[in-house]
Amino acid sequence: MPDARERILGRLRAVKPHAFTPSDFSIVETKTWSPAARLERLRTAMAAVRTEFLDAAAHDWPETVRAFLVAQGARNVAYGPATEAGRLLAAACTRAGAPALVPYDRPIEDLKATLFDDVDAGFTAVRCAIADTGTLVLWPSPEEPRLLSLVPPLHVALLSAATIRDTLLSVLRDEGWAKGLPPNVVLVSGPSKTADIEQTLAYGVHGPKRLVVVLV
């Protein structure tokens, strides 16, 4: 056995290392579109998997979100109170009839029962989006944990049209991901869905049943 082991190791040591071939990104790099075309591609791809869109202006998106939540009958909405978007939404929800906001400002052990049993919707901001695949890029943080987008049956996501990129490669480069990442990045292309062996899609099985993108 030792002789066999040495023969195997000897053959491995004798193999000359091969130089790595540089990655060729030329095909991906040809995928570039105008801002209007990026937006159209994103809408089309995400709508194909039941993503809904709300159009809003930069100055009134909180009111648009508040009115939408009221119309949907949302009673409790989880959000990150320490984020800029969270503070603006909270200011819009001070009037009578607005849903109650549930701040995600405690450890999950203290919030779990409320988040899983009582919350109707979760609100988050979106870091950027990918036109090529119709995908939102969420950048979870202690101020806006990822469970806001994963647990409530309705996920409301605030997206600035100016942050839509052409491809995942564009995101990697523009966002400087090679320099550092958070512990988790969430890529979202639609509401939760799964399929059986016959490829029959079912939505909302293990996450939000609805995804609503508030496009600013």
N, C-alpha and C. Protein backbone atom coordinates (compact mmCIF):
# COMPACT_ATOMS: atom_id res chain seq x y z
N MET A 1 0.82 -1.22 0.00
CA MET A 1 0.00 0.00 0.00
C MET A 1 0.85 1.27 0.00
N PRO A 2 1.92 1.36 0.83
CA PRO A 2 2.75 2.56 0.78
C PRO A 2 3.34 2.81 -0.60
N ASP A 3 3.76 1.71 -1.30
CA ASP A 3 4.33 1.87 -2.62
C ASP A 3 3.30 2.43 -3.60
N ALA A 4 2.09 1.94 -3.51
CA ALA A 4 1.03 2.44 -4.40
C ALA A 4 0.76 3.91 -4.12
N ARG A 5 0.75 4.27 -2.84
CA ARG A 5 0.52 5.67 -2.47
C ARG A 5 1.60 6.56 -3.04
N GLU A 6 2.84 6.15 -2.92
CA GLU A 6 3.94 6.95 -3.42
C GLU A 6 3.91 7.06 -4.94
N ARG A 7 3.50 5.99 -5.62
CA ARG A 7 3.40 6.06 -7.09
C ARG A 7 2.35 7.09 -7.51
N ILE A 8 1.20 7.05 -6.81
CA ILE A 8 0.14 8.01 -7.14
C ILE A 8 0.60 9.44 -6.88
N LEU A 9 1.20 9.68 -5.71
CA LEU A 9 1.67 11.02 -5.38
C LEU A 9 2.77 11.46 -6.33
N GLY A 10 3.61 10.51 -6.73
CA GLY A 10 4.68 10.84 -7.67
C GLY A 10 4.14 11.31 -9.00
N ARG A 11 3.10 10.64 -9.50
CA ARG A 11 2.51 11.06 -10.77
C ARG A 11 1.87 12.44 -10.64
N LEU A 12 1.23 12.68 -9.50
CA LEU A 12 0.62 14.00 -9.30
C LEU A 12 1.67 15.10 -9.24
N ARG A 13 2.79 14.84 -8.56
CA ARG A 13 3.84 15.85 -8.45
C ARG A 13 4.51 16.11 -9.79
N ALA A 14 4.48 15.12 -10.66
CA ALA A 14 5.15 15.26 -11.96
C ALA A 14 4.35 16.08 -12.96
N VAL A 15 3.07 16.26 -12.69
CA VAL A 15 2.22 17.01 -13.61
C VAL A 15 2.59 18.49 -13.54
N LYS A 16 2.81 19.07 -14.70
CA LYS A 16 3.14 20.49 -14.75
C LYS A 16 1.86 21.32 -14.58
N PRO A 17 1.92 22.33 -13.75
CA PRO A 17 0.72 23.16 -13.55
C PRO A 17 0.34 23.89 -14.83
N HIS A 18 -0.95 24.02 -15.04
CA HIS A 18 -1.46 24.74 -16.22
C HIS A 18 -1.80 26.17 -15.82
N ALA A 19 -1.48 27.08 -16.70
CA ALA A 19 -1.84 28.48 -16.46
C ALA A 19 -3.34 28.66 -16.67
N PHE A 20 -3.94 29.47 -15.82
CA PHE A 20 -5.37 29.73 -15.96
C PHE A 20 -5.62 30.64 -17.16
N THR A 21 -6.64 30.30 -17.93
CA THR A 21 -7.03 31.14 -19.05
C THR A 21 -7.87 32.30 -18.54
N PRO A 22 -7.52 33.53 -18.87
CA PRO A 22 -8.32 34.67 -18.40
C PRO A 22 -9.78 34.53 -18.82
N SER A 23 -10.67 34.94 -17.94
CA SER A 23 -12.10 34.88 -18.25
C SER A 23 -12.44 35.83 -19.39
N ASP A 24 -13.31 35.37 -20.27
CA ASP A 24 -13.73 36.18 -21.41
C ASP A 24 -15.14 36.69 -21.15
N PHE A 25 -15.25 37.99 -20.87
CA PHE A 25 -16.55 38.59 -20.59
C PHE A 25 -17.10 39.36 -21.79
N SER A 26 -16.50 39.16 -22.96
CA SER A 26 -16.87 39.99 -24.12
C SER A 26 -18.34 39.82 -24.50
N ILE A 27 -18.88 38.61 -24.37
CA ILE A 27 -20.29 38.40 -24.74
C ILE A 27 -21.21 39.19 -23.81
N VAL A 28 -20.90 39.14 -22.53
CA VAL A 28 -21.73 39.87 -21.56
C VAL A 28 -21.58 41.37 -21.74
N GLU A 29 -20.38 41.81 -22.06
CA GLU A 29 -20.11 43.24 -22.18
C GLU A 29 -20.84 43.88 -23.36
N THR A 30 -21.30 43.06 -24.31
CA THR A 30 -22.06 43.60 -25.44
C THR A 30 -23.49 43.93 -25.05
N LYS A 31 -23.92 43.46 -23.89
CA LYS A 31 -25.29 43.70 -23.44
C LYS A 31 -25.38 45.05 -22.76
N THR A 32 -25.62 46.05 -23.55
CA THR A 32 -25.79 47.40 -23.02
C THR A 32 -27.04 48.02 -23.64
N TRP A 33 -27.79 48.75 -22.82
CA TRP A 33 -29.02 49.36 -23.29
C TRP A 33 -29.13 50.78 -22.77
N SER A 34 -30.01 51.54 -23.37
CA SER A 34 -30.29 52.88 -22.87
C SER A 34 -31.07 52.77 -21.57
N PRO A 35 -31.11 53.84 -20.77
CA PRO A 35 -31.88 53.78 -19.52
C PRO A 35 -33.34 53.36 -19.74
N ALA A 36 -33.96 53.87 -20.80
CA ALA A 36 -35.35 53.50 -21.06
C ALA A 36 -35.47 52.03 -21.41
N ALA A 37 -34.53 51.53 -22.19
CA ALA A 37 -34.56 50.11 -22.58
C ALA A 37 -34.29 49.22 -21.38
N ARG A 38 -33.39 49.64 -20.48
CA ARG A 38 -33.13 48.87 -19.27
C ARG A 38 -34.41 48.71 -18.45
N LEU A 39 -35.10 49.82 -18.29
CA LEU A 39 -36.33 49.80 -17.50
C LEU A 39 -37.37 48.88 -18.13
N GLU A 40 -37.50 48.95 -19.45
CA GLU A 40 -38.48 48.12 -20.13
C GLU A 40 -38.14 46.63 -20.01
N ARG A 41 -36.86 46.31 -20.12
CA ARG A 41 -36.44 44.92 -19.98
C ARG A 41 -36.72 44.41 -18.56
N LEU A 42 -36.42 45.25 -17.59
CA LEU A 42 -36.66 44.87 -16.19
C LEU A 42 -38.15 44.62 -15.95
N ARG A 43 -38.98 45.54 -16.39
CA ARG A 43 -40.42 45.40 -16.21
C ARG A 43 -40.94 44.11 -16.87
N THR A 44 -40.52 43.89 -18.10
CA THR A 44 -41.02 42.74 -18.85
C THR A 44 -40.62 41.43 -18.18
N ALA A 45 -39.35 41.33 -17.79
CA ALA A 45 -38.86 40.09 -17.19
C ALA A 45 -39.51 39.83 -15.85
N MET A 46 -39.66 40.87 -15.03
CA MET A 46 -40.23 40.67 -13.70
C MET A 46 -41.73 40.46 -13.75
N ALA A 47 -42.41 41.13 -14.67
CA ALA A 47 -43.85 40.94 -14.81
C ALA A 47 -44.18 39.52 -15.24
N ALA A 48 -43.27 38.90 -15.98
CA ALA A 48 -43.49 37.53 -16.46
C ALA A 48 -43.59 36.54 -15.30
N VAL A 49 -43.02 36.90 -14.14
CA VAL A 49 -43.11 36.02 -12.96
C VAL A 49 -43.93 36.70 -11.85
N ARG A 50 -44.94 37.48 -12.29
CA ARG A 50 -45.96 38.05 -11.40
C ARG A 50 -45.47 39.15 -10.48
N THR A 51 -44.42 39.83 -10.83
CA THR A 51 -44.03 41.03 -10.07
C THR A 51 -44.95 42.17 -10.47
N GLU A 52 -45.37 42.96 -9.49
CA GLU A 52 -46.23 44.11 -9.74
C GLU A 52 -45.42 45.39 -9.59
N PHE A 53 -45.84 46.45 -10.29
CA PHE A 53 -45.12 47.72 -10.24
C PHE A 53 -46.06 48.86 -9.85
N LEU A 54 -45.52 49.77 -9.03
CA LEU A 54 -46.17 51.04 -8.74
C LEU A 54 -45.23 52.15 -9.18
N ASP A 55 -45.71 53.06 -10.00
CA ASP A 55 -44.89 54.19 -10.44
C ASP A 55 -45.09 55.36 -9.49
N ALA A 56 -43.99 56.01 -9.12
CA ALA A 56 -44.06 57.12 -8.19
C ALA A 56 -42.96 58.13 -8.49
N ALA A 57 -43.15 59.34 -8.01
CA ALA A 57 -42.13 60.38 -8.15
C ALA A 57 -41.29 60.42 -6.88
N ALA A 58 -40.11 61.01 -7.00
CA ALA A 58 -39.19 61.04 -5.86
C ALA A 58 -39.80 61.77 -4.66
N HIS A 59 -40.64 62.76 -4.92
CA HIS A 59 -41.16 63.57 -3.81
C HIS A 59 -42.40 62.98 -3.16
N ASP A 60 -43.06 62.01 -3.82
CA ASP A 60 -44.32 61.52 -3.24
C ASP A 60 -44.42 60.01 -3.12
N TRP A 61 -43.29 59.30 -3.28
CA TRP A 61 -43.39 57.84 -3.19
C TRP A 61 -43.89 57.36 -1.82
N PRO A 62 -43.56 58.05 -0.70
CA PRO A 62 -44.11 57.55 0.58
C PRO A 62 -45.64 57.57 0.61
N GLU A 63 -46.23 58.61 0.04
CA GLU A 63 -47.69 58.68 -0.01
C GLU A 63 -48.26 57.61 -0.94
N THR A 64 -47.55 57.34 -2.05
CA THR A 64 -47.98 56.27 -2.95
C THR A 64 -47.97 54.93 -2.24
N VAL A 65 -46.93 54.67 -1.46
CA VAL A 65 -46.84 53.41 -0.72
C VAL A 65 -47.92 53.35 0.35
N ARG A 66 -48.12 54.45 1.08
CA ARG A 66 -49.15 54.46 2.13
C ARG A 66 -50.52 54.17 1.54
N ALA A 67 -50.88 54.85 0.44
CA ALA A 67 -52.18 54.64 -0.19
C ALA A 67 -52.34 53.21 -0.69
N PHE A 68 -51.27 52.66 -1.23
CA PHE A 68 -51.33 51.27 -1.71
C PHE A 68 -51.57 50.30 -0.56
N LEU A 69 -50.84 50.48 0.54
CA LEU A 69 -50.99 49.59 1.69
C LEU A 69 -52.39 49.67 2.27
N VAL A 70 -52.94 50.88 2.33
CA VAL A 70 -54.30 51.05 2.82
C VAL A 70 -55.28 50.32 1.90
N ALA A 71 -55.11 50.49 0.59
CA ALA A 71 -56.01 49.85 -0.38
C ALA A 71 -55.94 48.33 -0.30
N GLN A 72 -54.77 47.82 0.08
CA GLN A 72 -54.59 46.37 0.17
C GLN A 72 -55.05 45.80 1.51
N GLY A 73 -55.45 46.68 2.41
CA GLY A 73 -55.91 46.23 3.71
C GLY A 73 -54.80 45.79 4.64
N ALA A 74 -53.58 46.25 4.39
CA ALA A 74 -52.46 45.89 5.26
C ALA A 74 -52.61 46.58 6.61
N ARG A 75 -52.56 45.80 7.67
CA ARG A 75 -52.72 46.35 9.01
C ARG A 75 -51.38 46.64 9.67
N ASN A 76 -50.42 45.72 9.53
CA ASN A 76 -49.11 45.85 10.16
C ASN A 76 -48.02 45.69 9.10
N VAL A 77 -47.14 46.66 9.04
CA VAL A 77 -46.09 46.67 8.03
C VAL A 77 -44.73 46.77 8.71
N ALA A 78 -43.87 45.81 8.48
CA ALA A 78 -42.54 45.82 9.08
C ALA A 78 -41.59 46.64 8.21
N TYR A 79 -40.70 47.38 8.87
CA TYR A 79 -39.77 48.24 8.13
C TYR A 79 -38.54 48.51 8.98
N GLY A 80 -37.52 49.10 8.35
CA GLY A 80 -36.32 49.47 9.07
C GLY A 80 -36.37 50.94 9.46
N PRO A 81 -36.60 51.27 10.72
CA PRO A 81 -36.79 52.67 11.13
C PRO A 81 -35.53 53.52 11.04
N ALA A 82 -34.36 52.88 10.97
CA ALA A 82 -33.11 53.65 10.94
C ALA A 82 -32.65 54.01 9.54
N THR A 83 -33.36 53.52 8.51
CA THR A 83 -32.98 53.84 7.14
C THR A 83 -33.68 55.13 6.69
N GLU A 84 -33.11 55.78 5.69
CA GLU A 84 -33.74 57.00 5.18
C GLU A 84 -35.11 56.70 4.61
N ALA A 85 -35.23 55.63 3.83
CA ALA A 85 -36.53 55.28 3.26
C ALA A 85 -37.53 54.94 4.36
N GLY A 86 -37.06 54.27 5.40
CA GLY A 86 -37.94 53.93 6.51
C GLY A 86 -38.47 55.16 7.22
N ARG A 87 -37.61 56.13 7.42
CA ARG A 87 -38.05 57.37 8.09
C ARG A 87 -39.08 58.12 7.25
N LEU A 88 -38.88 58.15 5.95
CA LEU A 88 -39.83 58.84 5.07
C LEU A 88 -41.18 58.12 5.05
N LEU A 89 -41.15 56.80 5.03
CA LEU A 89 -42.40 56.04 5.06
C LEU A 89 -43.12 56.27 6.38
N ALA A 90 -42.37 56.27 7.48
CA ALA A 90 -42.99 56.49 8.79
C ALA A 90 -43.67 57.85 8.87
N ALA A 91 -43.06 58.86 8.27
CA ALA A 91 -43.66 60.20 8.28
C ALA A 91 -44.97 60.22 7.51
N ALA A 92 -45.05 59.43 6.44
CA ALA A 92 -46.28 59.40 5.63
C ALA A 92 -47.38 58.59 6.31
N CYS A 93 -47.02 57.75 7.25
CA CYS A 93 -48.01 56.86 7.89
C CYS A 93 -48.47 57.37 9.24
N THR A 94 -48.31 58.66 9.48
CA THR A 94 -48.74 59.22 10.76
C THR A 94 -50.23 59.58 10.76
N ARG A 95 -50.80 59.72 9.59
CA ARG A 95 -52.21 60.11 9.52
C ARG A 95 -53.13 58.95 9.88
N ALA A 96 -54.35 59.29 10.25
CA ALA A 96 -55.33 58.28 10.64
C ALA A 96 -55.64 57.36 9.46
N GLY A 97 -55.83 56.09 9.77
CA GLY A 97 -56.17 55.13 8.74
C GLY A 97 -54.99 54.44 8.11
N ALA A 98 -53.79 54.94 8.37
CA ALA A 98 -52.58 54.32 7.81
C ALA A 98 -52.29 53.02 8.56
N PRO A 99 -51.63 52.08 7.91
CA PRO A 99 -51.29 50.85 8.62
C PRO A 99 -50.31 51.11 9.75
N ALA A 100 -50.31 50.24 10.73
CA ALA A 100 -49.36 50.36 11.83
C ALA A 100 -48.00 49.87 11.36
N LEU A 101 -46.97 50.63 11.64
CA LEU A 101 -45.62 50.24 11.25
C LEU A 101 -44.95 49.48 12.39
N VAL A 102 -44.35 48.37 12.04
CA VAL A 102 -43.67 47.52 13.02
C VAL A 102 -42.17 47.68 12.80
N PRO A 103 -41.46 48.40 13.66
CA PRO A 103 -40.03 48.62 13.44
C PRO A 103 -39.21 47.36 13.70
N TYR A 104 -38.34 47.06 12.77
CA TYR A 104 -37.41 45.94 12.97
C TYR A 104 -36.19 46.53 13.67
N ASP A 105 -36.29 46.70 14.97
CA ASP A 105 -35.23 47.33 15.75
C ASP A 105 -34.86 46.50 16.97
N ARG A 106 -35.22 45.21 16.95
CA ARG A 106 -34.94 44.31 18.06
C ARG A 106 -34.34 43.01 17.54
N PRO A 107 -33.73 42.22 18.37
CA PRO A 107 -33.26 40.90 17.94
C PRO A 107 -34.43 40.06 17.44
N ILE A 108 -34.15 39.19 16.50
CA ILE A 108 -35.20 38.37 15.91
C ILE A 108 -35.93 37.54 16.96
N GLU A 109 -35.24 37.15 18.03
CA GLU A 109 -35.88 36.37 19.08
C GLU A 109 -37.05 37.14 19.72
N ASP A 110 -36.91 38.46 19.78
CA ASP A 110 -37.96 39.28 20.38
C ASP A 110 -39.06 39.63 19.38
N LEU A 111 -38.78 39.51 18.10
CA LEU A 111 -39.70 39.97 17.07
C LEU A 111 -40.34 38.83 16.28
N LYS A 112 -39.84 37.62 16.50
CA LYS A 112 -40.22 36.49 15.64
C LYS A 112 -41.73 36.27 15.59
N ALA A 113 -42.38 36.22 16.73
CA ALA A 113 -43.82 35.94 16.76
C ALA A 113 -44.60 36.99 15.98
N THR A 114 -44.25 38.26 16.18
CA THR A 114 -44.94 39.33 15.46
C THR A 114 -44.67 39.26 13.97
N LEU A 115 -43.42 39.05 13.61
CA LEU A 115 -43.03 39.06 12.20
C LEU A 115 -43.69 37.92 11.44
N PHE A 116 -43.77 36.75 12.05
CA PHE A 116 -44.31 35.59 11.35
C PHE A 116 -45.83 35.48 11.45
N ASP A 117 -46.43 36.04 12.49
CA ASP A 117 -47.87 35.84 12.70
C ASP A 117 -48.73 37.06 12.43
N ASP A 118 -48.19 38.26 12.63
CA ASP A 118 -49.04 39.46 12.59
C ASP A 118 -48.73 40.43 11.47
N VAL A 119 -47.56 40.36 10.88
CA VAL A 119 -47.17 41.34 9.86
C VAL A 119 -47.75 40.97 8.50
N ASP A 120 -48.36 41.95 7.84
CA ASP A 120 -48.98 41.73 6.53
C ASP A 120 -48.04 42.06 5.38
N ALA A 121 -47.08 42.95 5.61
CA ALA A 121 -46.19 43.38 4.53
C ALA A 121 -44.83 43.78 5.11
N GLY A 122 -43.81 43.66 4.29
CA GLY A 122 -42.48 44.11 4.65
C GLY A 122 -42.01 45.13 3.62
N PHE A 123 -41.37 46.19 4.10
CA PHE A 123 -40.91 47.25 3.21
C PHE A 123 -39.39 47.33 3.26
N THR A 124 -38.76 47.35 2.08
CA THR A 124 -37.31 47.50 2.00
C THR A 124 -36.95 48.42 0.84
N ALA A 125 -35.74 48.94 0.89
CA ALA A 125 -35.17 49.64 -0.26
C ALA A 125 -34.41 48.61 -1.11
N VAL A 126 -34.10 48.99 -2.34
CA VAL A 126 -33.36 48.14 -3.26
C VAL A 126 -32.04 48.82 -3.58
N ARG A 127 -30.95 48.07 -3.50
CA ARG A 127 -29.63 48.63 -3.79
C ARG A 127 -29.51 49.00 -5.26
N CYS A 128 -29.88 48.07 -6.14
CA CYS A 128 -29.85 48.29 -7.58
C CYS A 128 -30.63 47.17 -8.23
N ALA A 129 -30.69 47.15 -9.56
CA ALA A 129 -31.42 46.11 -10.27
C ALA A 129 -30.67 45.72 -11.53
N ILE A 130 -31.00 44.53 -12.06
CA ILE A 130 -30.32 44.00 -13.24
C ILE A 130 -31.34 43.85 -14.36
N ALA A 131 -31.17 44.62 -15.42
CA ALA A 131 -32.11 44.60 -16.54
C ALA A 131 -32.07 43.27 -17.29
N ASP A 132 -30.90 42.72 -17.46
CA ASP A 132 -30.72 41.51 -18.27
C ASP A 132 -31.54 40.34 -17.75
N THR A 133 -31.63 40.19 -16.44
CA THR A 133 -32.34 39.05 -15.85
C THR A 133 -33.63 39.44 -15.13
N GLY A 134 -33.90 40.73 -15.02
CA GLY A 134 -35.08 41.16 -14.29
C GLY A 134 -34.96 40.84 -12.82
N THR A 135 -33.93 41.41 -12.17
CA THR A 135 -33.60 41.04 -10.80
C THR A 135 -33.34 42.26 -9.92
N LEU A 136 -33.87 42.24 -8.71
CA LEU A 136 -33.56 43.26 -7.72
C LEU A 136 -32.39 42.79 -6.87
N VAL A 137 -31.52 43.71 -6.51
CA VAL A 137 -30.39 43.40 -5.64
C VAL A 137 -30.64 44.09 -4.30
N LEU A 138 -30.87 43.28 -3.27
CA LEU A 138 -31.06 43.81 -1.91
C LEU A 138 -29.77 43.66 -1.14
N TRP A 139 -29.46 44.64 -0.30
CA TRP A 139 -28.20 44.70 0.44
C TRP A 139 -28.54 44.73 1.92
N PRO A 140 -28.89 43.60 2.52
CA PRO A 140 -29.32 43.58 3.91
C PRO A 140 -28.27 44.16 4.86
N SER A 141 -28.75 44.72 5.94
CA SER A 141 -27.87 45.33 6.94
C SER A 141 -28.55 45.21 8.30
N PRO A 142 -27.85 45.51 9.39
CA PRO A 142 -28.52 45.51 10.70
C PRO A 142 -29.71 46.47 10.75
N GLU A 143 -29.66 47.54 9.96
CA GLU A 143 -30.77 48.50 9.95
C GLU A 143 -31.95 48.00 9.11
N GLU A 144 -31.67 47.12 8.16
CA GLU A 144 -32.72 46.59 7.29
C GLU A 144 -32.44 45.11 7.02
N PRO A 145 -32.73 44.24 7.99
CA PRO A 145 -32.41 42.82 7.88
C PRO A 145 -33.13 42.13 6.73
N ARG A 146 -32.55 41.05 6.28
CA ARG A 146 -33.09 40.35 5.11
C ARG A 146 -34.46 39.73 5.35
N LEU A 147 -34.82 39.44 6.62
CA LEU A 147 -36.12 38.83 6.89
C LEU A 147 -37.27 39.75 6.51
N LEU A 148 -37.02 41.05 6.39
CA LEU A 148 -38.07 41.96 5.95
C LEU A 148 -38.56 41.61 4.55
N SER A 149 -37.67 41.06 3.74
CA SER A 149 -38.03 40.72 2.36
C SER A 149 -38.37 39.24 2.20
N LEU A 150 -38.15 38.44 3.23
CA LEU A 150 -38.32 36.99 3.09
C LEU A 150 -39.53 36.42 3.83
N VAL A 151 -40.00 37.10 4.88
CA VAL A 151 -41.04 36.52 5.72
C VAL A 151 -42.45 37.03 5.42
N PRO A 152 -42.70 38.35 5.38
CA PRO A 152 -44.08 38.82 5.20
C PRO A 152 -44.67 38.35 3.86
N PRO A 153 -45.97 38.14 3.79
CA PRO A 153 -46.60 37.67 2.56
C PRO A 153 -46.56 38.67 1.41
N LEU A 154 -46.38 39.94 1.73
CA LEU A 154 -46.26 40.99 0.72
C LEU A 154 -44.95 41.73 0.93
N HIS A 155 -44.12 41.79 -0.11
CA HIS A 155 -42.87 42.53 -0.05
C HIS A 155 -42.99 43.76 -0.94
N VAL A 156 -42.86 44.93 -0.34
CA VAL A 156 -42.87 46.20 -1.08
C VAL A 156 -41.44 46.69 -1.16
N ALA A 157 -40.92 46.84 -2.38
CA ALA A 157 -39.51 47.17 -2.59
C ALA A 157 -39.38 48.49 -3.33
N LEU A 158 -38.63 49.41 -2.75
CA LEU A 158 -38.43 50.74 -3.32
C LEU A 158 -37.21 50.75 -4.22
N LEU A 159 -37.41 51.03 -5.52
CA LEU A 159 -36.33 51.00 -6.50
C LEU A 159 -36.22 52.33 -7.24
N SER A 160 -35.02 52.88 -7.28
CA SER A 160 -34.75 54.05 -8.10
C SER A 160 -34.37 53.60 -9.50
N ALA A 161 -35.04 54.13 -10.52
CA ALA A 161 -34.76 53.74 -11.90
C ALA A 161 -33.31 54.05 -12.28
N ALA A 162 -32.71 55.03 -11.62
CA ALA A 162 -31.33 55.41 -11.93
C ALA A 162 -30.33 54.32 -11.54
N THR A 163 -30.75 53.36 -10.72
CA THR A 163 -29.82 52.33 -10.25
C THR A 163 -29.93 51.04 -11.06
N ILE A 164 -30.73 51.02 -12.11
CA ILE A 164 -30.85 49.81 -12.92
C ILE A 164 -29.60 49.64 -13.78
N ARG A 165 -28.93 48.50 -13.67
CA ARG A 165 -27.73 48.19 -14.43
C ARG A 165 -28.08 47.24 -15.57
N ASP A 166 -27.15 47.13 -16.51
CA ASP A 166 -27.38 46.25 -17.66
C ASP A 166 -27.36 44.78 -17.27
N THR A 167 -26.29 44.35 -16.63
CA THR A 167 -26.07 42.92 -16.34
C THR A 167 -25.52 42.73 -14.93
N LEU A 168 -25.43 41.47 -14.52
CA LEU A 168 -24.80 41.17 -13.23
C LEU A 168 -23.35 41.62 -13.24
N LEU A 169 -22.67 41.48 -14.38
CA LEU A 169 -21.29 41.94 -14.48
C LEU A 169 -21.20 43.45 -14.23
N SER A 170 -22.16 44.19 -14.75
CA SER A 170 -22.19 45.64 -14.51
C SER A 170 -22.31 45.94 -13.02
N VAL A 171 -23.16 45.17 -12.34
CA VAL A 171 -23.32 45.37 -10.90
C VAL A 171 -22.02 45.07 -10.17
N LEU A 172 -21.39 43.94 -10.52
CA LEU A 172 -20.13 43.57 -9.86
C LEU A 172 -19.10 44.68 -9.99
N ARG A 173 -19.02 45.27 -11.17
CA ARG A 173 -18.02 46.31 -11.41
C ARG A 173 -18.43 47.65 -10.81
N ASP A 174 -19.65 48.07 -11.08
CA ASP A 174 -20.09 49.39 -10.63
C ASP A 174 -20.19 49.49 -9.12
N GLU A 175 -20.60 48.40 -8.47
CA GLU A 175 -20.76 48.40 -7.03
C GLU A 175 -19.48 48.04 -6.29
N GLY A 176 -18.44 47.66 -7.04
CA GLY A 176 -17.16 47.33 -6.41
C GLY A 176 -17.22 46.12 -5.51
N TRP A 177 -17.95 45.08 -5.94
CA TRP A 177 -18.11 43.90 -5.10
C TRP A 177 -16.79 43.19 -4.82
N ALA A 178 -15.80 43.36 -5.70
CA ALA A 178 -14.51 42.70 -5.46
C ALA A 178 -13.83 43.26 -4.22
N LYS A 179 -14.20 44.45 -3.80
CA LYS A 179 -13.57 45.09 -2.64
C LYS A 179 -14.24 44.70 -1.32
N GLY A 180 -15.45 44.18 -1.40
CA GLY A 180 -16.11 43.80 -0.16
C GLY A 180 -17.60 43.62 -0.34
N LEU A 181 -18.15 42.67 0.41
CA LEU A 181 -19.57 42.37 0.36
C LEU A 181 -20.12 42.30 1.78
N PRO A 182 -21.43 42.51 1.93
CA PRO A 182 -22.04 42.27 3.24
C PRO A 182 -22.14 40.76 3.45
N PRO A 183 -22.53 40.32 4.65
CA PRO A 183 -22.66 38.88 4.88
C PRO A 183 -23.64 38.21 3.94
N ASN A 184 -24.61 38.99 3.40
CA ASN A 184 -25.61 38.39 2.54
C ASN A 184 -26.10 39.40 1.52
N VAL A 185 -26.23 38.97 0.27
CA VAL A 185 -26.87 39.75 -0.78
C VAL A 185 -28.07 38.95 -1.26
N VAL A 186 -29.22 39.59 -1.36
CA VAL A 186 -30.44 38.89 -1.77
C VAL A 186 -30.80 39.33 -3.18
N LEU A 187 -30.89 38.36 -4.10
CA LEU A 187 -31.29 38.62 -5.48
C LEU A 187 -32.74 38.17 -5.65
N VAL A 188 -33.61 39.09 -6.05
CA VAL A 188 -35.04 38.82 -6.12
C VAL A 188 -35.55 39.12 -7.52
N SER A 189 -36.19 38.12 -8.14
CA SER A 189 -36.75 38.32 -9.47
C SER A 189 -38.27 38.25 -9.49
N GLY A 190 -38.88 37.92 -8.36
CA GLY A 190 -40.34 37.85 -8.30
C GLY A 190 -40.76 37.32 -6.95
N PRO A 191 -42.06 37.11 -6.76
CA PRO A 191 -42.52 36.51 -5.51
C PRO A 191 -42.00 35.09 -5.37
N SER A 192 -42.08 34.56 -4.17
CA SER A 192 -41.61 33.20 -3.92
C SER A 192 -42.35 32.20 -4.80
N LYS A 193 -41.61 31.25 -5.36
CA LYS A 193 -42.25 30.25 -6.21
C LYS A 193 -41.43 28.96 -6.18
N THR A 194 -42.11 27.88 -6.45
CA THR A 194 -41.46 26.58 -6.55
C THR A 194 -42.23 25.75 -7.57
N ALA A 195 -41.67 24.62 -7.98
CA ALA A 195 -42.32 23.78 -8.98
C ALA A 195 -42.11 22.32 -8.64
N ASP A 196 -43.09 21.49 -9.00
CA ASP A 196 -42.95 20.05 -8.78
C ASP A 196 -42.26 19.43 -9.99
N ILE A 197 -42.20 18.11 -10.02
CA ILE A 197 -41.49 17.42 -11.09
C ILE A 197 -42.15 17.66 -12.45
N GLU A 198 -43.43 18.02 -12.46
CA GLU A 198 -44.12 18.31 -13.71
C GLU A 198 -44.00 19.78 -14.11
N GLN A 199 -43.18 20.52 -13.35
CA GLN A 199 -42.90 21.93 -13.63
C GLN A 199 -44.15 22.82 -13.49
N THR A 200 -45.03 22.44 -12.58
CA THR A 200 -46.19 23.26 -12.27
C THR A 200 -45.80 24.26 -11.19
N LEU A 201 -45.84 25.55 -11.52
CA LEU A 201 -45.41 26.58 -10.58
C LEU A 201 -46.44 26.83 -9.49
N ALA A 202 -45.96 27.01 -8.29
CA ALA A 202 -46.80 27.42 -7.17
C ALA A 202 -46.12 28.62 -6.52
N TYR A 203 -46.90 29.66 -6.25
CA TYR A 203 -46.34 30.89 -5.70
C TYR A 203 -46.62 31.00 -4.21
N GLY A 204 -45.68 31.64 -3.50
CA GLY A 204 -45.87 31.94 -2.09
C GLY A 204 -45.73 30.75 -1.16
N VAL A 205 -45.02 29.72 -1.57
CA VAL A 205 -44.89 28.53 -0.75
C VAL A 205 -43.91 28.75 0.40
N HIS A 206 -42.83 29.41 0.15
CA HIS A 206 -41.79 29.56 1.18
C HIS A 206 -41.26 30.99 1.23
N GLY A 207 -42.16 31.95 1.06
CA GLY A 207 -41.76 33.35 1.10
C GLY A 207 -42.91 34.23 0.67
N PRO A 208 -42.64 35.49 0.32
CA PRO A 208 -43.72 36.41 -0.07
C PRO A 208 -44.56 35.90 -1.23
N LYS A 209 -45.87 36.02 -1.09
CA LYS A 209 -46.77 35.66 -2.17
C LYS A 209 -46.81 36.74 -3.25
N ARG A 210 -46.50 37.97 -2.83
CA ARG A 210 -46.54 39.10 -3.79
C ARG A 210 -45.28 39.93 -3.64
N LEU A 211 -44.81 40.42 -4.76
CA LEU A 211 -43.70 41.38 -4.79
C LEU A 211 -44.18 42.61 -5.54
N VAL A 212 -44.14 43.75 -4.89
CA VAL A 212 -44.55 45.01 -5.50
C VAL A 212 -43.34 45.94 -5.51
N VAL A 213 -42.92 46.35 -6.70
CA VAL A 213 -41.78 47.24 -6.86
C VAL A 213 -42.30 48.67 -7.01
N VAL A 214 -41.90 49.55 -6.11
CA VAL A 214 -42.24 50.96 -6.21
C VAL A 214 -41.12 51.63 -6.99
N LEU A 215 -41.41 51.97 -8.23
CA LEU A 215 -40.40 52.49 -9.14
C LEU A 215 -40.37 54.01 -9.12
N VAL A 216 -39.25 54.55 -8.71
CA VAL A 216 -39.11 56.02 -8.61
C VAL A 216 -38.19 56.52 -9.71
